[in-house]
Amino acid sequence: MPTIEPAANPATPAPQVLTPAELAARWGKCRQTIYNMIHDGELRSFKVRNSRLIPLAEVERIERGES
């Protein structure tokens, strides 16, 4: 009998932050480009302990072409 995988929980919200590596993959860039944008003030981010996180709203702002 085939194994049935449970469906993804629709109540689980999508992540509201991205790591620099995730954003680099999304934009087809290298991580250093993302860190350079953060350093230059083009991209807002925040740290939680040793992790740098970028709000999804910030990513979408740049994708819309807003400054």
C-alpha atoms as a PDB file:
ATOM      1  CA  MET A   1       0.000   0.000   0.000  1.00  0.00           C
ATOM      2  CA  PRO A   2       1.437   3.467  -0.891  1.00  0.00           C
ATOM      3  CA  THR A   3       2.509   5.830   1.832  1.00  0.00           C
ATOM      4  CA  ILE A   4       0.420   8.992   2.095  1.00  0.00           C
ATOM      5  CA  GLU A   5       2.336  12.109   3.049  1.00  0.00           C
ATOM      6  CA  PRO A   6       0.517  14.564   5.304  1.00  0.00           C
ATOM      7  CA  ALA A   7      -0.431  17.821   3.636  1.00  0.00           C
ATOM      8  CA  ALA A   8       1.388  20.968   4.661  1.00  0.00           C
ATOM      9  CA  ASN A   9      -0.388  22.701   7.492  1.00  0.00           C
ATOM     10  CA  PRO A  10      -2.223  25.628   5.866  1.00  0.00           C
ATOM     11  CA  ALA A  11      -2.305  27.379   9.233  1.00  0.00           C
ATOM     12  CA  THR A  12       1.502  27.627   9.247  1.00  0.00           C
ATOM     13  CA  PRO A  13       2.377  31.184   8.227  1.00  0.00           C
ATOM     14  CA  ALA A  14       5.035  31.854   5.606  1.00  0.00           C
ATOM     15  CA  PRO A  15       8.334  33.157   6.993  1.00  0.00           C
ATOM     16  CA  GLN A  16       8.363  36.933   7.320  1.00  0.00           C
ATOM     17  CA  VAL A  17      12.151  37.220   7.175  1.00  0.00           C
ATOM     18  CA  LEU A  18      14.916  35.966   4.917  1.00  0.00           C
ATOM     19  CA  THR A  19      18.564  35.312   5.614  1.00  0.00           C
ATOM     20  CA  PRO A  20      21.135  36.934   3.335  1.00  0.00           C
ATOM     21  CA  ALA A  21      21.746  33.521   1.740  1.00  0.00           C
ATOM     22  CA  GLU A  22      18.025  33.017   1.054  1.00  0.00           C
ATOM     23  CA  LEU A  23      17.724  36.495  -0.435  1.00  0.00           C
ATOM     24  CA  ALA A  24      20.835  35.985  -2.554  1.00  0.00           C
ATOM     25  CA  ALA A  25      19.304  32.799  -3.978  1.00  0.00           C
ATOM     26  CA  ARG A  26      15.972  34.569  -4.584  1.00  0.00           C
ATOM     27  CA  TRP A  27      17.661  37.387  -6.502  1.00  0.00           C
ATOM     28  CA  GLY A  28      20.339  35.247  -8.188  1.00  0.00           C
ATOM     29  CA  LYS A  29      23.142  37.187  -6.488  1.00  0.00           C
ATOM     30  CA  CYS A  30      25.946  36.224  -4.124  1.00  0.00           C
ATOM     31  CA  ARG A  31      25.677  36.709  -0.361  1.00  0.00           C
ATOM     32  CA  GLN A  32      28.365  39.373  -0.406  1.00  0.00           C
ATOM     33  CA  THR A  33      26.183  41.540  -2.666  1.00  0.00           C
ATOM     34  CA  ILE A  34      23.400  41.346  -0.072  1.00  0.00           C
ATOM     35  CA  TYR A  35      25.809  42.224   2.754  1.00  0.00           C
ATOM     36  CA  ASN A  36      27.147  45.140   0.678  1.00  0.00           C
ATOM     37  CA  MET A  37      23.593  46.439   0.201  1.00  0.00           C
ATOM     38  CA  ILE A  38      23.028  46.214   3.956  1.00  0.00           C
ATOM     39  CA  HIS A  39      26.326  47.969   4.701  1.00  0.00           C
ATOM     40  CA  ASP A  40      25.572  50.735   2.178  1.00  0.00           C
ATOM     41  CA  GLY A  41      22.129  51.354   3.716  1.00  0.00           C
ATOM     42  CA  GLU A  42      20.231  50.187   0.611  1.00  0.00           C
ATOM     43  CA  LEU A  43      18.687  47.213   2.413  1.00  0.00           C
ATOM     44  CA  ARG A  44      17.441  47.258   5.999  1.00  0.00           C
ATOM     45  CA  SER A  45      18.070  44.264   8.235  1.00  0.00           C
ATOM     46  CA  PHE A  46      18.377  43.337  11.870  1.00  0.00           C
ATOM     47  CA  LYS A  47      20.308  40.863  13.970  1.00  0.00           C
ATOM     48  CA  VAL A  48      19.092  38.206  16.360  1.00  0.00           C
ATOM     49  CA  ARG A  49      22.181  37.046  18.210  1.00  0.00           C
ATOM     50  CA  ASN A  50      24.539  36.029  15.389  1.00  0.00           C
ATOM     51  CA  SER A  51      21.909  35.840  12.649  1.00  0.00           C
ATOM     52  CA  ARG A  52      21.307  38.649  10.179  1.00  0.00           C
ATOM     53  CA  LEU A  53      17.661  38.760   9.045  1.00  0.00           C
ATOM     54  CA  ILE A  54      15.924  40.802   6.366  1.00  0.00           C
ATOM     55  CA  PRO A  55      12.198  41.506   6.678  1.00  0.00           C
ATOM     56  CA  LEU A  56      10.154  40.206   3.744  1.00  0.00           C
ATOM     57  CA  ALA A  57       8.460  43.615   3.505  1.00  0.00           C
ATOM     58  CA  GLU A  58      11.901  45.158   2.892  1.00  0.00           C
ATOM     59  CA  VAL A  59      12.633  42.632   0.133  1.00  0.00           C
ATOM     60  CA  GLU A  60       9.286  43.322  -1.521  1.00  0.00           C
ATOM     61  CA  ARG A  61       9.890  47.099  -1.263  1.00  0.00           C
ATOM     62  CA  ILE A  62      13.075  46.769  -3.281  1.00  0.00           C
ATOM     63  CA  GLU A  63      11.475  44.352  -5.753  1.00  0.00           C
ATOM     64  CA  ARG A  64       8.775  46.972  -6.394  1.00  0.00           C
ATOM     65  CA  GLY A  65      11.539  49.487  -7.154  1.00  0.00           C
ATOM     66  CA  GLU A  66      10.854  51.735  -4.195  1.00  0.00           C
ATOM     67  CA  SER A  67      13.765  53.458  -2.485  1.00  0.00           C
END
